[in-house]
Amino acid sequence: MNPFILHTLHVASALALFGSLGAIFLGGTGKKGASALHGISLVLILLIGFAILKKPPEGQYWWLVKLGIWLFIGAAPALVKRNILPAWMGFAFSLAAAGYAAWLGYTKPF
């Protein structure tokens, strides 16, 4: 598949993920739909990310760090719901983690 299309879908899934995180953290009436969008977006990000990679690069570990970030962003709503993190901190940490993941994807430092 065209790498440009995969990259566009990956970024669109990330935008949907953070839209759902905002809806979950800020509350409101549509939390069930936002939770579903959160899960669907996470799965799409994972699948499209591996489609972009084609196979995990040998000797490079940046993609494992990105998997850890993916797990944290996936667990962030549960951390907020159980009052381990305040909502604003969960969202801020998720944004910072996503920025770091994007930097890792573009620079591949290690």
N, C-alpha and C. Protein backbone atom coordinates (compact mmCIF):
# COMPACT_ATOMS: atom_id res chain seq x y z
N MET A 1 0.84 -1.18 0.00
CA MET A 1 0.00 0.00 0.00
C MET A 1 0.89 1.24 0.00
N ASN A 2 0.37 2.31 -0.54
CA ASN A 2 1.09 3.57 -0.63
C ASN A 2 1.46 4.07 0.78
N PRO A 3 2.75 4.38 1.04
CA PRO A 3 3.16 4.86 2.36
C PRO A 3 2.47 6.17 2.75
N PHE A 4 2.16 7.01 1.78
CA PHE A 4 1.49 8.28 2.09
C PHE A 4 0.09 8.03 2.66
N ILE A 5 -0.62 7.07 2.08
CA ILE A 5 -1.96 6.74 2.57
C ILE A 5 -1.87 6.15 3.98
N LEU A 6 -0.89 5.26 4.20
CA LEU A 6 -0.72 4.67 5.53
C LEU A 6 -0.40 5.75 6.56
N HIS A 7 0.48 6.66 6.22
CA HIS A 7 0.85 7.73 7.14
C HIS A 7 -0.34 8.63 7.44
N THR A 8 -1.13 8.93 6.42
CA THR A 8 -2.33 9.76 6.62
C THR A 8 -3.33 9.06 7.53
N LEU A 9 -3.54 7.77 7.32
CA LEU A 9 -4.45 7.01 8.19
C LEU A 9 -3.92 6.93 9.62
N HIS A 10 -2.61 6.80 9.77
CA HIS A 10 -2.00 6.74 11.10
C HIS A 10 -2.22 8.06 11.85
N VAL A 11 -2.01 9.18 11.17
CA VAL A 11 -2.21 10.49 11.79
C VAL A 11 -3.70 10.72 12.08
N ALA A 12 -4.57 10.32 11.17
CA ALA A 12 -6.01 10.49 11.40
C ALA A 12 -6.46 9.65 12.60
N SER A 13 -5.91 8.47 12.76
CA SER A 13 -6.24 7.65 13.92
C SER A 13 -5.74 8.30 15.21
N ALA A 14 -4.58 8.92 15.16
CA ALA A 14 -4.06 9.63 16.34
C ALA A 14 -4.96 10.81 16.70
N LEU A 15 -5.44 11.51 15.70
CA LEU A 15 -6.36 12.63 15.97
C LEU A 15 -7.66 12.12 16.59
N ALA A 16 -8.19 11.01 16.09
CA ALA A 16 -9.40 10.42 16.67
C ALA A 16 -9.13 9.95 18.09
N LEU A 17 -7.93 9.42 18.34
CA LEU A 17 -7.58 8.97 19.68
C LEU A 17 -7.61 10.12 20.67
N PHE A 18 -7.04 11.26 20.30
CA PHE A 18 -7.00 12.37 21.24
C PHE A 18 -8.33 13.09 21.33
N GLY A 19 -9.15 13.00 20.31
CA GLY A 19 -10.52 13.49 20.44
C GLY A 19 -11.29 12.66 21.45
N SER A 20 -11.10 11.36 21.40
CA SER A 20 -11.78 10.49 22.36
C SER A 20 -11.23 10.67 23.76
N LEU A 21 -9.93 10.88 23.90
CA LEU A 21 -9.36 11.13 25.22
C LEU A 21 -9.92 12.41 25.83
N GLY A 22 -10.05 13.44 25.01
CA GLY A 22 -10.64 14.69 25.51
C GLY A 22 -12.07 14.48 25.97
N ALA A 23 -12.84 13.72 25.22
CA ALA A 23 -14.23 13.46 25.60
C ALA A 23 -14.31 12.61 26.88
N ILE A 24 -13.40 11.65 27.01
CA ILE A 24 -13.41 10.81 28.20
C ILE A 24 -12.99 11.61 29.43
N PHE A 25 -11.93 12.40 29.30
CA PHE A 25 -11.41 13.12 30.46
C PHE A 25 -12.30 14.28 30.87
N LEU A 26 -12.95 14.92 29.91
CA LEU A 26 -13.79 16.07 30.25
C LEU A 26 -15.19 15.65 30.67
N GLY A 27 -15.49 14.38 30.51
CA GLY A 27 -16.80 13.88 30.95
C GLY A 27 -17.87 14.18 29.93
N GLY A 28 -19.07 14.28 30.40
CA GLY A 28 -20.18 14.53 29.50
C GLY A 28 -21.03 13.28 29.34
N THR A 29 -21.89 13.31 28.35
CA THR A 29 -22.86 12.23 28.20
C THR A 29 -22.40 11.13 27.27
N GLY A 30 -21.48 11.39 26.37
CA GLY A 30 -21.09 10.41 25.37
C GLY A 30 -19.86 9.60 25.73
N LYS A 31 -19.69 9.27 27.00
CA LYS A 31 -18.48 8.56 27.41
C LYS A 31 -18.38 7.16 26.82
N LYS A 32 -19.50 6.49 26.63
CA LYS A 32 -19.46 5.13 26.09
C LYS A 32 -18.96 5.15 24.64
N GLY A 33 -19.47 6.08 23.86
CA GLY A 33 -19.02 6.21 22.48
C GLY A 33 -17.56 6.65 22.40
N ALA A 34 -17.16 7.54 23.31
CA ALA A 34 -15.78 7.99 23.34
C ALA A 34 -14.84 6.85 23.71
N SER A 35 -15.28 6.00 24.62
CA SER A 35 -14.46 4.84 24.99
C SER A 35 -14.33 3.87 23.82
N ALA A 36 -15.39 3.68 23.07
CA ALA A 36 -15.32 2.82 21.89
C ALA A 36 -14.38 3.41 20.85
N LEU A 37 -14.46 4.73 20.62
CA LEU A 37 -13.56 5.38 19.68
C LEU A 37 -12.12 5.28 20.14
N HIS A 38 -11.90 5.37 21.46
CA HIS A 38 -10.55 5.24 22.01
C HIS A 38 -9.97 3.87 21.67
N GLY A 39 -10.72 2.81 21.89
CA GLY A 39 -10.24 1.47 21.60
C GLY A 39 -10.02 1.23 20.12
N ILE A 40 -10.96 1.68 19.30
CA ILE A 40 -10.83 1.51 17.85
C ILE A 40 -9.62 2.27 17.33
N SER A 41 -9.42 3.48 17.82
CA SER A 41 -8.28 4.29 17.39
C SER A 41 -6.96 3.65 17.79
N LEU A 42 -6.91 3.09 19.00
CA LEU A 42 -5.68 2.41 19.44
C LEU A 42 -5.35 1.22 18.55
N VAL A 43 -6.36 0.44 18.21
CA VAL A 43 -6.12 -0.73 17.34
C VAL A 43 -5.67 -0.27 15.96
N LEU A 44 -6.30 0.76 15.41
CA LEU A 44 -5.90 1.26 14.10
C LEU A 44 -4.48 1.79 14.11
N ILE A 45 -4.12 2.53 15.16
CA ILE A 45 -2.76 3.06 15.26
C ILE A 45 -1.75 1.91 15.28
N LEU A 46 -2.03 0.87 16.05
CA LEU A 46 -1.12 -0.27 16.15
C LEU A 46 -0.99 -0.99 14.81
N LEU A 47 -2.12 -1.32 14.19
CA LEU A 47 -2.08 -2.06 12.93
C LEU A 47 -1.43 -1.26 11.81
N ILE A 48 -1.79 0.00 11.70
CA ILE A 48 -1.21 0.82 10.63
C ILE A 48 0.27 1.07 10.89
N GLY A 49 0.64 1.23 12.16
CA GLY A 49 2.06 1.40 12.49
C GLY A 49 2.88 0.20 12.07
N PHE A 50 2.38 -0.99 12.32
CA PHE A 50 3.11 -2.19 11.88
C PHE A 50 3.07 -2.35 10.37
N ALA A 51 2.01 -1.88 9.72
CA ALA A 51 1.98 -1.91 8.25
C ALA A 51 3.03 -0.96 7.67
N ILE A 52 3.25 0.17 8.33
CA ILE A 52 4.27 1.10 7.88
C ILE A 52 5.66 0.49 8.05
N LEU A 53 5.87 -0.19 9.19
CA LEU A 53 7.18 -0.82 9.45
C LEU A 53 7.46 -2.01 8.53
N LYS A 54 6.43 -2.73 8.16
CA LYS A 54 6.50 -3.99 7.40
C LYS A 54 7.06 -5.12 8.26
N LYS A 55 8.20 -4.91 8.90
CA LYS A 55 8.72 -5.86 9.87
C LYS A 55 9.53 -5.06 10.89
N PRO A 56 9.58 -5.52 12.13
CA PRO A 56 10.33 -4.77 13.14
C PRO A 56 11.81 -4.69 12.77
N PRO A 57 12.41 -3.50 12.84
CA PRO A 57 13.81 -3.36 12.46
C PRO A 57 14.73 -4.04 13.48
N GLU A 58 15.71 -4.76 12.98
CA GLU A 58 16.65 -5.45 13.85
C GLU A 58 17.68 -4.45 14.38
N GLY A 59 17.99 -4.57 15.65
CA GLY A 59 19.01 -3.70 16.25
C GLY A 59 18.51 -2.31 16.60
N GLN A 60 17.26 -2.02 16.34
CA GLN A 60 16.69 -0.72 16.69
C GLN A 60 15.56 -0.97 17.68
N TYR A 61 15.54 -0.17 18.74
CA TYR A 61 14.59 -0.41 19.81
C TYR A 61 13.60 0.72 20.01
N TRP A 62 13.61 1.72 19.14
CA TRP A 62 12.69 2.85 19.28
C TRP A 62 11.25 2.39 19.14
N TRP A 63 11.00 1.36 18.35
CA TRP A 63 9.62 0.91 18.15
C TRP A 63 9.08 0.22 19.40
N LEU A 64 9.96 -0.37 20.23
CA LEU A 64 9.51 -0.95 21.49
C LEU A 64 9.10 0.15 22.48
N VAL A 65 9.82 1.26 22.46
CA VAL A 65 9.45 2.40 23.29
C VAL A 65 8.10 2.94 22.85
N LYS A 66 7.88 2.97 21.54
CA LYS A 66 6.58 3.42 21.04
C LYS A 66 5.45 2.47 21.46
N LEU A 67 5.72 1.19 21.57
CA LEU A 67 4.71 0.26 22.08
C LEU A 67 4.39 0.54 23.54
N GLY A 68 5.42 0.87 24.33
CA GLY A 68 5.19 1.24 25.72
C GLY A 68 4.36 2.50 25.84
N ILE A 69 4.61 3.47 24.98
CA ILE A 69 3.82 4.70 24.96
C ILE A 69 2.38 4.39 24.56
N TRP A 70 2.21 3.49 23.59
CA TRP A 70 0.88 3.08 23.17
C TRP A 70 0.12 2.46 24.33
N LEU A 71 0.80 1.63 25.11
CA LEU A 71 0.17 1.01 26.28
C LEU A 71 -0.23 2.05 27.32
N PHE A 72 0.66 3.04 27.56
CA PHE A 72 0.34 4.09 28.53
C PHE A 72 -0.88 4.89 28.09
N ILE A 73 -0.91 5.28 26.82
CA ILE A 73 -2.05 6.07 26.34
C ILE A 73 -3.33 5.23 26.38
N GLY A 74 -3.20 3.94 26.16
CA GLY A 74 -4.37 3.07 26.28
C GLY A 74 -4.86 2.93 27.71
N ALA A 75 -3.94 3.00 28.67
CA ALA A 75 -4.32 2.85 30.08
C ALA A 75 -4.67 4.17 30.75
N ALA A 76 -4.40 5.29 30.11
CA ALA A 76 -4.62 6.60 30.73
C ALA A 76 -6.06 6.82 31.21
N PRO A 77 -7.09 6.46 30.44
CA PRO A 77 -8.45 6.65 30.97
C PRO A 77 -8.72 5.84 32.24
N ALA A 78 -8.16 4.64 32.33
CA ALA A 78 -8.35 3.84 33.55
C ALA A 78 -7.63 4.47 34.72
N LEU A 79 -6.45 5.05 34.48
CA LEU A 79 -5.72 5.73 35.55
C LEU A 79 -6.49 6.94 36.07
N VAL A 80 -7.14 7.64 35.17
CA VAL A 80 -7.94 8.81 35.57
C VAL A 80 -9.21 8.36 36.28
N LYS A 81 -9.86 7.32 35.77
CA LYS A 81 -11.11 6.84 36.37
C LYS A 81 -10.89 6.35 37.80
N ARG A 82 -9.75 5.74 38.05
CA ARG A 82 -9.45 5.22 39.39
C ARG A 82 -8.77 6.26 40.28
N ASN A 83 -8.75 7.50 39.84
CA ASN A 83 -8.18 8.63 40.59
C ASN A 83 -6.70 8.46 40.92
N ILE A 84 -5.97 7.76 40.08
CA ILE A 84 -4.52 7.67 40.23
C ILE A 84 -3.90 8.94 39.67
N LEU A 85 -4.47 9.46 38.60
CA LEU A 85 -4.05 10.72 38.00
C LEU A 85 -5.26 11.63 37.88
N PRO A 86 -5.06 12.95 38.12
CA PRO A 86 -6.15 13.87 37.79
C PRO A 86 -6.35 13.93 36.27
N ALA A 87 -7.53 14.31 35.85
CA ALA A 87 -7.86 14.30 34.42
C ALA A 87 -6.91 15.19 33.61
N TRP A 88 -6.62 16.37 34.12
CA TRP A 88 -5.75 17.28 33.37
C TRP A 88 -4.34 16.70 33.23
N MET A 89 -3.87 16.00 34.27
CA MET A 89 -2.53 15.42 34.22
C MET A 89 -2.49 14.22 33.28
N GLY A 90 -3.54 13.41 33.29
CA GLY A 90 -3.59 12.29 32.37
C GLY A 90 -3.58 12.74 30.93
N PHE A 91 -4.33 13.81 30.64
CA PHE A 91 -4.34 14.33 29.27
C PHE A 91 -3.00 14.95 28.90
N ALA A 92 -2.39 15.70 29.84
CA ALA A 92 -1.09 16.33 29.57
C ALA A 92 -0.01 15.27 29.36
N PHE A 93 0.01 14.23 30.20
CA PHE A 93 0.99 13.17 30.02
C PHE A 93 0.77 12.41 28.71
N SER A 94 -0.48 12.22 28.34
CA SER A 94 -0.79 11.55 27.07
C SER A 94 -0.31 12.38 25.88
N LEU A 95 -0.53 13.69 25.94
CA LEU A 95 -0.04 14.57 24.87
C LEU A 95 1.48 14.55 24.79
N ALA A 96 2.13 14.62 25.94
CA ALA A 96 3.60 14.59 25.96
C ALA A 96 4.12 13.26 25.43
N ALA A 97 3.49 12.17 25.83
CA ALA A 97 3.91 10.85 25.35
C ALA A 97 3.71 10.73 23.85
N ALA A 98 2.61 11.26 23.33
CA ALA A 98 2.36 11.20 21.89
C ALA A 98 3.38 12.05 21.13
N GLY A 99 3.73 13.20 21.67
CA GLY A 99 4.76 14.02 21.04
C GLY A 99 6.09 13.29 21.00
N TYR A 100 6.42 12.61 22.09
CA TYR A 100 7.66 11.83 22.13
C TYR A 100 7.60 10.67 21.13
N ALA A 101 6.45 10.02 21.02
CA ALA A 101 6.30 8.93 20.06
C ALA A 101 6.46 9.43 18.63
N ALA A 102 5.91 10.61 18.34
CA ALA A 102 6.07 11.17 17.00
C ALA A 102 7.53 11.49 16.72
N TRP A 103 8.22 12.05 17.72
CA TRP A 103 9.64 12.36 17.56
C TRP A 103 10.43 11.07 17.32
N LEU A 104 10.12 10.02 18.07
CA LEU A 104 10.80 8.73 17.87
C LEU A 104 10.55 8.19 16.47
N GLY A 105 9.33 8.34 15.98
CA GLY A 105 9.01 7.83 14.65
C GLY A 105 9.74 8.55 13.54
N TYR A 106 9.96 9.85 13.71
CA TYR A 106 10.62 10.62 12.66
C TYR A 106 12.14 10.55 12.75
N THR A 107 12.71 10.52 13.96
CA THR A 107 14.17 10.56 14.07
C THR A 107 14.81 9.20 14.23
N LYS A 108 14.08 8.22 14.81
CA LYS A 108 14.60 6.87 15.07
C LYS A 108 15.99 6.94 15.70
N PRO A 109 16.09 7.53 16.92
CA PRO A 109 17.40 7.81 17.50
C PRO A 109 18.18 6.59 17.98
N PHE A 110 17.51 5.50 18.29
CA PHE A 110 18.23 4.33 18.78
C PHE A 110 17.56 3.06 18.28
